[in-house]
Amino acid sequence: RYALVDPITYAITGAVPTARADLDRLLMRELSSLEALSKGHGTKHEWQDIAVVNALCKQMAERGIGPEALPVVADVERHLIDAAARWDRTGVLGLTGPAIQALRDMLAYHDLQRASVARSVYEETIRVVTAHIKSGHTQNVKELI
């Protein structure tokens, strides 16, 4: 037998904000990546995590969900590019003090954004950003942002 999807439950799940416990798990991963980068022992993986979150924050802000985050997103983009260039030169992937603060601010904005919309809206944003990355618009790590 095939498991049937209850359309009412499915609709309700997509119409309500994502459960705080699920958002907290995402936030912990993001903060862990920030921690690694801020201590100077970040890897490409942590850098990519932060770059993807910044892309999600930017996409949501451009769609009118927390548009006040756009200046912070632009600042984070510059800091991530600088960090990648420093990594290319030195082999160390870390952040400056202003970069750490900018990333913290962006993560706070993004946490508010995703907590303020229906799960379906957040999932659509993830699909858009993922499609952009998979489409080849991002040839290397620096282009994730």
N, C-alpha and C. Protein backbone atom coordinates (compact mmCIF):
# COMPACT_ATOMS: atom_id res chain seq x y z
N ARG A 1 0.83 -1.20 0.00
CA ARG A 1 0.00 0.00 0.00
C ARG A 1 0.86 1.25 0.00
N TYR A 2 0.34 2.23 -0.66
CA TYR A 2 1.01 3.52 -0.68
C TYR A 2 0.52 4.38 0.48
N ALA A 3 1.45 5.08 1.08
CA ALA A 3 1.06 6.00 2.15
C ALA A 3 0.44 7.23 1.50
N LEU A 4 -0.74 7.54 1.92
CA LEU A 4 -1.43 8.70 1.38
C LEU A 4 -1.06 9.95 2.16
N VAL A 5 -1.01 11.05 1.47
CA VAL A 5 -0.73 12.32 2.12
C VAL A 5 -2.05 12.97 2.49
N ASP A 6 -2.17 13.36 3.73
CA ASP A 6 -3.36 14.07 4.19
C ASP A 6 -3.24 15.51 3.70
N PRO A 7 -4.05 15.93 2.74
CA PRO A 7 -3.89 17.27 2.17
C PRO A 7 -4.11 18.39 3.18
N ILE A 8 -4.96 18.18 4.16
CA ILE A 8 -5.20 19.22 5.17
C ILE A 8 -3.95 19.42 6.02
N THR A 9 -3.39 18.32 6.50
CA THR A 9 -2.17 18.39 7.31
C THR A 9 -1.03 18.99 6.49
N TYR A 10 -0.93 18.56 5.24
CA TYR A 10 0.13 19.06 4.36
C TYR A 10 -0.01 20.58 4.15
N ALA A 11 -1.21 21.04 3.94
CA ALA A 11 -1.45 22.47 3.74
C ALA A 11 -1.15 23.26 5.01
N ILE A 12 -1.57 22.74 6.13
CA ILE A 12 -1.32 23.44 7.41
C ILE A 12 0.18 23.52 7.67
N THR A 13 0.89 22.43 7.43
CA THR A 13 2.34 22.41 7.66
C THR A 13 3.04 23.46 6.80
N GLY A 14 2.61 23.61 5.57
CA GLY A 14 3.22 24.60 4.69
C GLY A 14 2.81 26.02 4.97
N ALA A 15 1.69 26.20 5.66
CA ALA A 15 1.16 27.54 5.89
C ALA A 15 1.63 28.16 7.20
N VAL A 16 2.17 27.37 8.09
CA VAL A 16 2.62 27.91 9.38
C VAL A 16 4.12 28.08 9.36
N PRO A 17 4.63 28.97 10.21
CA PRO A 17 6.09 29.12 10.29
C PRO A 17 6.75 27.80 10.71
N THR A 18 7.99 27.65 10.33
CA THR A 18 8.75 26.46 10.69
C THR A 18 8.89 26.38 12.20
N ALA A 19 8.81 25.18 12.73
CA ALA A 19 8.91 24.99 14.19
C ALA A 19 10.23 25.55 14.71
N ARG A 20 10.16 26.19 15.87
CA ARG A 20 11.34 26.83 16.46
C ARG A 20 12.47 25.82 16.67
N ALA A 21 12.14 24.59 17.03
CA ALA A 21 13.18 23.57 17.24
C ALA A 21 13.96 23.31 15.96
N ASP A 22 13.26 23.28 14.83
CA ASP A 22 13.93 23.08 13.53
C ASP A 22 14.80 24.28 13.19
N LEU A 23 14.28 25.47 13.44
CA LEU A 23 15.06 26.68 13.18
C LEU A 23 16.29 26.75 14.08
N ASP A 24 16.14 26.31 15.31
CA ASP A 24 17.27 26.31 16.24
C ASP A 24 18.38 25.38 15.76
N ARG A 25 18.01 24.24 15.18
CA ARG A 25 19.03 23.33 14.65
C ARG A 25 19.79 23.99 13.50
N LEU A 26 19.08 24.69 12.64
CA LEU A 26 19.75 25.42 11.55
C LEU A 26 20.66 26.50 12.11
N LEU A 27 20.16 27.25 13.07
CA LEU A 27 20.94 28.33 13.66
C LEU A 27 22.20 27.79 14.34
N MET A 28 22.10 26.66 15.00
CA MET A 28 23.28 26.08 15.66
C MET A 28 24.35 25.71 14.64
N ARG A 29 23.93 25.17 13.50
CA ARG A 29 24.90 24.85 12.45
C ARG A 29 25.57 26.11 11.93
N GLU A 30 24.77 27.15 11.73
CA GLU A 30 25.31 28.41 11.22
C GLU A 30 26.26 29.05 12.23
N LEU A 31 25.88 29.03 13.50
CA LEU A 31 26.74 29.60 14.54
C LEU A 31 28.02 28.78 14.70
N SER A 32 27.93 27.49 14.50
CA SER A 32 29.12 26.64 14.56
C SER A 32 30.09 27.00 13.42
N SER A 33 29.55 27.24 12.24
CA SER A 33 30.38 27.66 11.11
C SER A 33 31.02 29.02 11.38
N LEU A 34 30.24 29.93 11.92
CA LEU A 34 30.77 31.25 12.27
C LEU A 34 31.88 31.13 13.30
N GLU A 35 31.68 30.29 14.29
CA GLU A 35 32.68 30.07 15.34
C GLU A 35 34.00 29.57 14.74
N ALA A 36 33.92 28.58 13.86
CA ALA A 36 35.12 28.04 13.24
C ALA A 36 35.85 29.11 12.44
N LEU A 37 35.10 29.88 11.67
CA LEU A 37 35.71 30.94 10.87
C LEU A 37 36.30 32.04 11.75
N SER A 38 35.61 32.38 12.82
CA SER A 38 36.08 33.47 13.67
C SER A 38 37.33 33.09 14.45
N LYS A 39 37.53 31.80 14.66
CA LYS A 39 38.73 31.34 15.38
C LYS A 39 39.88 31.05 14.43
N GLY A 40 39.65 31.24 13.13
CA GLY A 40 40.73 31.07 12.16
C GLY A 40 40.98 29.64 11.74
N HIS A 41 40.10 28.71 12.08
CA HIS A 41 40.27 27.33 11.63
C HIS A 41 39.07 26.85 10.83
N GLY A 42 38.47 27.79 10.11
CA GLY A 42 37.34 27.43 9.26
C GLY A 42 37.81 26.68 8.02
N THR A 43 36.90 25.95 7.45
CA THR A 43 37.17 25.21 6.22
C THR A 43 36.27 25.77 5.11
N LYS A 44 36.49 25.26 3.92
CA LYS A 44 35.65 25.66 2.79
C LYS A 44 34.18 25.35 3.09
N HIS A 45 33.94 24.26 3.81
CA HIS A 45 32.57 23.86 4.15
C HIS A 45 31.87 24.93 5.00
N GLU A 46 32.55 25.41 6.05
CA GLU A 46 31.95 26.45 6.91
C GLU A 46 31.75 27.74 6.12
N TRP A 47 32.71 28.06 5.28
CA TRP A 47 32.60 29.27 4.46
C TRP A 47 31.36 29.15 3.55
N GLN A 48 31.20 28.00 2.95
CA GLN A 48 30.05 27.79 2.06
C GLN A 48 28.74 27.85 2.84
N ASP A 49 28.70 27.29 4.05
CA ASP A 49 27.49 27.37 4.87
C ASP A 49 27.07 28.83 5.05
N ILE A 50 28.03 29.67 5.44
CA ILE A 50 27.73 31.08 5.67
C ILE A 50 27.35 31.77 4.37
N ALA A 51 28.04 31.44 3.28
CA ALA A 51 27.73 32.06 1.99
C ALA A 51 26.31 31.70 1.54
N VAL A 52 25.89 30.47 1.76
CA VAL A 52 24.53 30.05 1.37
C VAL A 52 23.49 30.75 2.24
N VAL A 53 23.74 30.84 3.54
CA VAL A 53 22.80 31.55 4.43
C VAL A 53 22.70 33.01 3.99
N ASN A 54 23.83 33.62 3.63
CA ASN A 54 23.80 35.01 3.17
C ASN A 54 22.98 35.13 1.88
N ALA A 55 23.11 34.15 0.99
CA ALA A 55 22.33 34.15 -0.25
C ALA A 55 20.83 34.01 0.05
N LEU A 56 20.49 33.17 1.02
CA LEU A 56 19.09 33.02 1.43
C LEU A 56 18.56 34.33 2.02
N CYS A 57 19.36 34.95 2.87
CA CYS A 57 18.97 36.22 3.48
C CYS A 57 18.75 37.29 2.40
N LYS A 58 19.66 37.33 1.44
CA LYS A 58 19.55 38.30 0.34
C LYS A 58 18.29 38.05 -0.49
N GLN A 59 18.05 36.79 -0.82
CA GLN A 59 16.88 36.45 -1.63
C GLN A 59 15.59 36.86 -0.92
N MET A 60 15.51 36.56 0.37
CA MET A 60 14.30 36.91 1.12
C MET A 60 14.16 38.43 1.22
N ALA A 61 15.26 39.13 1.46
CA ALA A 61 15.21 40.59 1.57
C ALA A 61 14.78 41.22 0.24
N GLU A 62 15.29 40.68 -0.85
CA GLU A 62 14.91 41.20 -2.17
C GLU A 62 13.44 40.94 -2.48
N ARG A 63 12.86 39.94 -1.84
CA ARG A 63 11.44 39.64 -2.02
C ARG A 63 10.57 40.38 -1.01
N GLY A 64 11.19 41.28 -0.25
CA GLY A 64 10.43 42.11 0.68
C GLY A 64 10.32 41.56 2.08
N ILE A 65 11.00 40.49 2.37
CA ILE A 65 10.97 39.92 3.72
C ILE A 65 12.23 40.38 4.44
N GLY A 66 12.09 41.42 5.22
CA GLY A 66 13.25 41.99 5.91
C GLY A 66 14.20 42.72 5.00
N PRO A 67 13.69 43.65 4.18
CA PRO A 67 14.57 44.34 3.24
C PRO A 67 15.67 45.16 3.92
N GLU A 68 15.49 45.45 5.21
CA GLU A 68 16.51 46.19 5.94
C GLU A 68 17.80 45.38 6.09
N ALA A 69 17.76 44.10 5.76
CA ALA A 69 18.96 43.26 5.84
C ALA A 69 19.89 43.47 4.64
N LEU A 70 19.41 44.08 3.57
CA LEU A 70 20.22 44.20 2.35
C LEU A 70 21.58 44.87 2.55
N PRO A 71 21.69 45.98 3.30
CA PRO A 71 23.03 46.56 3.50
C PRO A 71 23.97 45.61 4.26
N VAL A 72 23.43 44.88 5.20
CA VAL A 72 24.25 43.93 5.96
C VAL A 72 24.69 42.79 5.05
N VAL A 73 23.78 42.31 4.20
CA VAL A 73 24.09 41.23 3.26
C VAL A 73 25.23 41.67 2.33
N ALA A 74 25.16 42.90 1.83
CA ALA A 74 26.23 43.41 0.95
C ALA A 74 27.55 43.47 1.70
N ASP A 75 27.51 43.88 2.96
CA ASP A 75 28.71 43.94 3.78
C ASP A 75 29.28 42.54 3.98
N VAL A 76 28.43 41.58 4.27
CA VAL A 76 28.87 40.20 4.46
C VAL A 76 29.49 39.67 3.17
N GLU A 77 28.90 39.98 2.02
CA GLU A 77 29.47 39.55 0.74
C GLU A 77 30.91 40.02 0.61
N ARG A 78 31.14 41.29 0.91
CA ARG A 78 32.50 41.83 0.81
C ARG A 78 33.45 41.10 1.77
N HIS A 79 33.00 40.87 2.98
CA HIS A 79 33.84 40.18 3.96
C HIS A 79 34.13 38.74 3.55
N LEU A 80 33.16 38.05 2.98
CA LEU A 80 33.38 36.68 2.54
C LEU A 80 34.36 36.62 1.36
N ILE A 81 34.25 37.58 0.47
CA ILE A 81 35.19 37.66 -0.65
C ILE A 81 36.60 37.93 -0.14
N ASP A 82 36.71 38.84 0.82
CA ASP A 82 38.01 39.13 1.43
C ASP A 82 38.58 37.89 2.11
N ALA A 83 37.74 37.17 2.83
CA ALA A 83 38.19 35.96 3.53
C ALA A 83 38.67 34.91 2.53
N ALA A 84 37.95 34.77 1.42
CA ALA A 84 38.35 33.79 0.40
C ALA A 84 39.67 34.20 -0.24
N ALA A 85 39.85 35.50 -0.49
CA ALA A 85 41.12 35.97 -1.06
C ALA A 85 42.27 35.74 -0.09
N ARG A 86 42.02 35.99 1.19
CA ARG A 86 43.04 35.75 2.21
C ARG A 86 43.39 34.27 2.27
N TRP A 87 42.38 33.42 2.13
CA TRP A 87 42.61 31.98 2.14
C TRP A 87 43.47 31.56 0.94
N ASP A 88 43.18 32.16 -0.23
CA ASP A 88 43.98 31.87 -1.42
C ASP A 88 45.45 32.25 -1.20
N ARG A 89 45.68 33.37 -0.51
CA ARG A 89 47.05 33.85 -0.28
C ARG A 89 47.77 33.10 0.82
N THR A 90 47.04 32.81 1.91
CA THR A 90 47.71 32.30 3.12
C THR A 90 47.35 30.87 3.49
N GLY A 91 46.27 30.36 2.96
CA GLY A 91 45.82 29.03 3.34
C GLY A 91 45.05 29.01 4.66
N VAL A 92 44.79 30.20 5.22
CA VAL A 92 44.04 30.30 6.47
C VAL A 92 42.69 30.94 6.17
N LEU A 93 41.64 30.30 6.60
CA LEU A 93 40.29 30.84 6.37
C LEU A 93 39.75 31.36 7.69
N GLY A 94 39.83 32.66 7.84
CA GLY A 94 39.36 33.30 9.06
C GLY A 94 38.69 34.62 8.74
N LEU A 95 38.26 35.31 9.77
CA LEU A 95 37.51 36.55 9.61
C LEU A 95 38.12 37.65 10.47
N THR A 96 37.93 38.88 10.04
CA THR A 96 38.31 40.04 10.83
C THR A 96 37.21 40.33 11.84
N GLY A 97 37.50 41.21 12.79
CA GLY A 97 36.51 41.59 13.79
C GLY A 97 35.25 42.17 13.16
N PRO A 98 35.39 43.15 12.24
CA PRO A 98 34.18 43.69 11.59
C PRO A 98 33.41 42.62 10.79
N ALA A 99 34.14 41.68 10.21
CA ALA A 99 33.47 40.61 9.46
C ALA A 99 32.64 39.74 10.39
N ILE A 100 33.20 39.41 11.55
CA ILE A 100 32.48 38.59 12.52
C ILE A 100 31.19 39.28 12.94
N GLN A 101 31.26 40.59 13.20
CA GLN A 101 30.06 41.33 13.61
C GLN A 101 29.03 41.37 12.48
N ALA A 102 29.50 41.58 11.25
CA ALA A 102 28.58 41.62 10.10
C ALA A 102 27.88 40.27 9.93
N LEU A 103 28.63 39.18 10.08
CA LEU A 103 28.02 37.86 9.97
C LEU A 103 27.02 37.60 11.08
N ARG A 104 27.34 38.02 12.28
CA ARG A 104 26.38 37.87 13.39
C ARG A 104 25.09 38.64 13.09
N ASP A 105 25.24 39.86 12.59
CA ASP A 105 24.07 40.67 12.25
C ASP A 105 23.23 40.00 11.16
N MET A 106 23.90 39.48 10.14
CA MET A 106 23.18 38.82 9.05
C MET A 106 22.46 37.58 9.56
N LEU A 107 23.12 36.80 10.40
CA LEU A 107 22.47 35.60 10.95
C LEU A 107 21.24 35.98 11.79
N ALA A 108 21.34 37.07 12.53
CA ALA A 108 20.18 37.52 13.33
C ALA A 108 19.03 37.94 12.42
N TYR A 109 19.35 38.71 11.36
CA TYR A 109 18.30 39.10 10.40
C TYR A 109 17.67 37.86 9.77
N HIS A 110 18.52 36.92 9.34
CA HIS A 110 17.98 35.75 8.64
C HIS A 110 17.14 34.88 9.57
N ASP A 111 17.54 34.79 10.82
CA ASP A 111 16.75 34.02 11.77
C ASP A 111 15.36 34.65 11.93
N LEU A 112 15.31 35.97 11.97
CA LEU A 112 14.01 36.66 12.04
C LEU A 112 13.21 36.45 10.76
N GLN A 113 13.89 36.51 9.61
CA GLN A 113 13.20 36.33 8.34
C GLN A 113 12.50 34.97 8.29
N ARG A 114 13.25 33.92 8.54
CA ARG A 114 12.68 32.59 8.38
C ARG A 114 11.67 32.25 9.46
N ALA A 115 11.77 32.90 10.62
CA ALA A 115 10.79 32.68 11.68
C ALA A 115 9.49 33.43 11.40
N SER A 116 9.54 34.38 10.47
CA SER A 116 8.39 35.26 10.22
C SER A 116 7.55 34.84 9.03
N VAL A 117 7.97 33.80 8.33
CA VAL A 117 7.23 33.39 7.13
C VAL A 117 6.78 31.95 7.26
N ALA A 118 5.83 31.60 6.42
CA ALA A 118 5.36 30.22 6.37
C ALA A 118 6.50 29.32 5.89
N ARG A 119 6.45 28.10 6.36
CA ARG A 119 7.48 27.12 5.97
C ARG A 119 7.58 27.02 4.45
N SER A 120 6.45 27.05 3.77
CA SER A 120 6.45 26.92 2.31
C SER A 120 7.21 28.08 1.65
N VAL A 121 7.12 29.26 2.21
CA VAL A 121 7.84 30.42 1.67
C VAL A 121 9.34 30.21 1.84
N TYR A 122 9.75 29.75 3.02
CA TYR A 122 11.17 29.51 3.26
C TYR A 122 11.69 28.39 2.36
N GLU A 123 10.91 27.33 2.21
CA GLU A 123 11.32 26.22 1.34
C GLU A 123 11.45 26.68 -0.11
N GLU A 124 10.56 27.56 -0.55
CA GLU A 124 10.65 28.09 -1.92
C GLU A 124 11.92 28.92 -2.08
N THR A 125 12.27 29.70 -1.08
CA THR A 125 13.51 30.49 -1.13
C THR A 125 14.71 29.56 -1.22
N ILE A 126 14.70 28.48 -0.47
CA ILE A 126 15.78 27.50 -0.53
C ILE A 126 15.87 26.90 -1.93
N ARG A 127 14.72 26.58 -2.52
CA ARG A 127 14.72 26.02 -3.88
C ARG A 127 15.30 27.01 -4.89
N VAL A 128 14.94 28.28 -4.77
CA VAL A 128 15.44 29.29 -5.70
C VAL A 128 16.96 29.43 -5.59
N VAL A 129 17.46 29.53 -4.36
CA VAL A 129 18.90 29.68 -4.16
C VAL A 129 19.63 28.42 -4.61
N THR A 130 19.10 27.25 -4.29
CA THR A 130 19.72 25.99 -4.70
C THR A 130 19.76 25.89 -6.22
N ALA A 131 18.68 26.25 -6.88
CA ALA A 131 18.64 26.21 -8.34
C ALA A 131 19.67 27.16 -8.94
N HIS A 132 19.83 28.31 -8.33
CA HIS A 132 20.82 29.28 -8.81
C HIS A 132 22.23 28.68 -8.71
N ILE A 133 22.51 28.03 -7.61
CA ILE A 133 23.83 27.43 -7.41
C ILE A 133 24.05 26.28 -8.39
N LYS A 134 23.04 25.41 -8.54
CA LYS A 134 23.16 24.25 -9.42
C LYS A 134 23.16 24.63 -10.90
N SER A 135 22.63 25.78 -11.23
CA SER A 135 22.50 26.16 -12.63
C SER A 135 23.82 26.54 -13.28
N GLY A 136 24.86 26.62 -12.47
CA GLY A 136 26.15 26.98 -13.04
C GLY A 136 26.44 28.46 -12.92
N HIS A 137 25.53 29.21 -12.31
CA HIS A 137 25.80 30.63 -12.08
C HIS A 137 26.90 30.81 -11.04
N THR A 138 27.23 29.73 -10.35
CA THR A 138 28.29 29.78 -9.35
C THR A 138 29.40 28.85 -9.80
N GLN A 139 30.39 29.40 -10.47
CA GLN A 139 31.48 28.61 -10.99
C GLN A 139 32.49 28.20 -9.93
N ASN A 140 32.62 29.00 -8.90
CA ASN A 140 33.55 28.65 -7.82
C ASN A 140 32.96 29.14 -6.51
N VAL A 141 33.65 28.85 -5.44
CA VAL A 141 33.14 29.15 -4.10
C VAL A 141 32.84 30.65 -3.96
N LYS A 142 33.67 31.50 -4.49
CA LYS A 142 33.47 32.95 -4.33
C LYS A 142 32.14 33.39 -4.94
N GLU A 143 31.68 32.70 -5.97
CA GLU A 143 30.46 33.11 -6.65
C GLU A 143 29.19 32.63 -5.93
N LEU A 144 29.33 31.90 -4.84
CA LEU A 144 28.14 31.53 -4.07
C LEU A 144 27.46 32.77 -3.54
N ILE A 145 28.22 33.80 -3.34
CA ILE A 145 27.64 35.03 -2.81
C ILE A 145 27.43 35.95 -3.94
